[in-house]
Amino acid sequence: MGWLIDPAEETVFVYRPKQEIEVFEVGVEMLPVPEFMGGFELTTQELFGWLME
């Protein structure tokens, strides 16, 4: 799994093996994370809040 973060558009593209690319825009929807990250949760709104500080 990989994220491509576009700060100009405030968009996150999520790449997973053998799956369609998912696109997440700023909002409260949780971003998918790898299983090894356990209960880690992050929204695009939180991510871009950190990046824009």
Protein backbone atom coordinates (compact mmCIF):
# COMPACT_ATOMS: atom_id res chain seq x y z
CA MET A 1 0.00 0.00 0.00
CA GLY A 2 1.18 3.48 -0.75
CA TRP A 3 -0.12 7.00 -0.49
CA LEU A 4 0.56 9.75 -2.98
CA ILE A 5 -0.18 13.04 -1.24
CA ASP A 6 -0.99 16.09 -3.38
CA PRO A 7 -0.86 19.10 -1.04
CA ALA A 8 -1.85 21.57 -3.77
CA GLU A 9 -5.15 19.76 -4.37
CA GLU A 10 -5.43 18.43 -0.80
CA THR A 11 -5.95 14.95 -2.19
CA VAL A 12 -4.54 11.55 -1.23
CA PHE A 13 -4.28 8.77 -3.80
CA VAL A 14 -4.13 5.31 -2.21
CA TYR A 15 -2.41 2.55 -4.19
CA ARG A 16 -2.87 -1.12 -3.31
CA PRO A 17 -1.67 -4.18 -5.19
CA LYS A 18 -4.12 -5.44 -7.82
CA GLN A 19 -6.78 -2.85 -6.91
CA GLU A 20 -8.10 0.36 -8.39
CA ILE A 21 -6.58 3.60 -7.14
CA GLU A 22 -8.70 5.22 -4.42
CA VAL A 23 -8.93 9.01 -4.17
CA PHE A 24 -9.58 10.78 -0.87
CA GLU A 25 -10.22 14.51 -0.65
CA VAL A 26 -10.20 16.62 2.50
CA GLY A 27 -12.88 15.37 4.85
CA VAL A 28 -13.56 13.20 7.84
CA GLU A 29 -13.37 9.85 6.06
CA MET A 30 -10.62 7.61 7.48
CA LEU A 31 -7.66 6.89 5.24
CA PRO A 32 -6.84 3.20 4.81
CA VAL A 33 -3.66 2.11 6.57
CA PRO A 34 -1.61 -1.11 6.40
CA GLU A 35 -2.70 -3.89 8.79
CA PHE A 36 0.58 -3.72 10.75
CA MET A 37 -0.41 -0.23 11.96
CA GLY A 38 -3.09 -1.71 14.22
CA GLY A 39 -5.65 0.83 15.41
CA PHE A 40 -3.98 3.88 13.85
CA GLU A 41 -6.59 6.22 12.38
CA LEU A 42 -6.09 9.33 10.27
CA THR A 43 -8.40 11.49 8.17
CA THR A 44 -7.33 13.62 5.22
CA GLN A 45 -8.38 16.66 7.22
CA GLU A 46 -5.94 15.74 10.02
CA LEU A 47 -3.17 14.89 7.55
CA PHE A 48 -3.38 18.20 5.70
CA GLY A 49 -3.77 20.09 8.98
CA TRP A 50 -0.36 18.73 10.03
CA LEU A 51 1.24 19.38 6.64
CA MET A 52 -0.01 22.98 6.38
CA GLU A 53 1.18 24.08 9.85
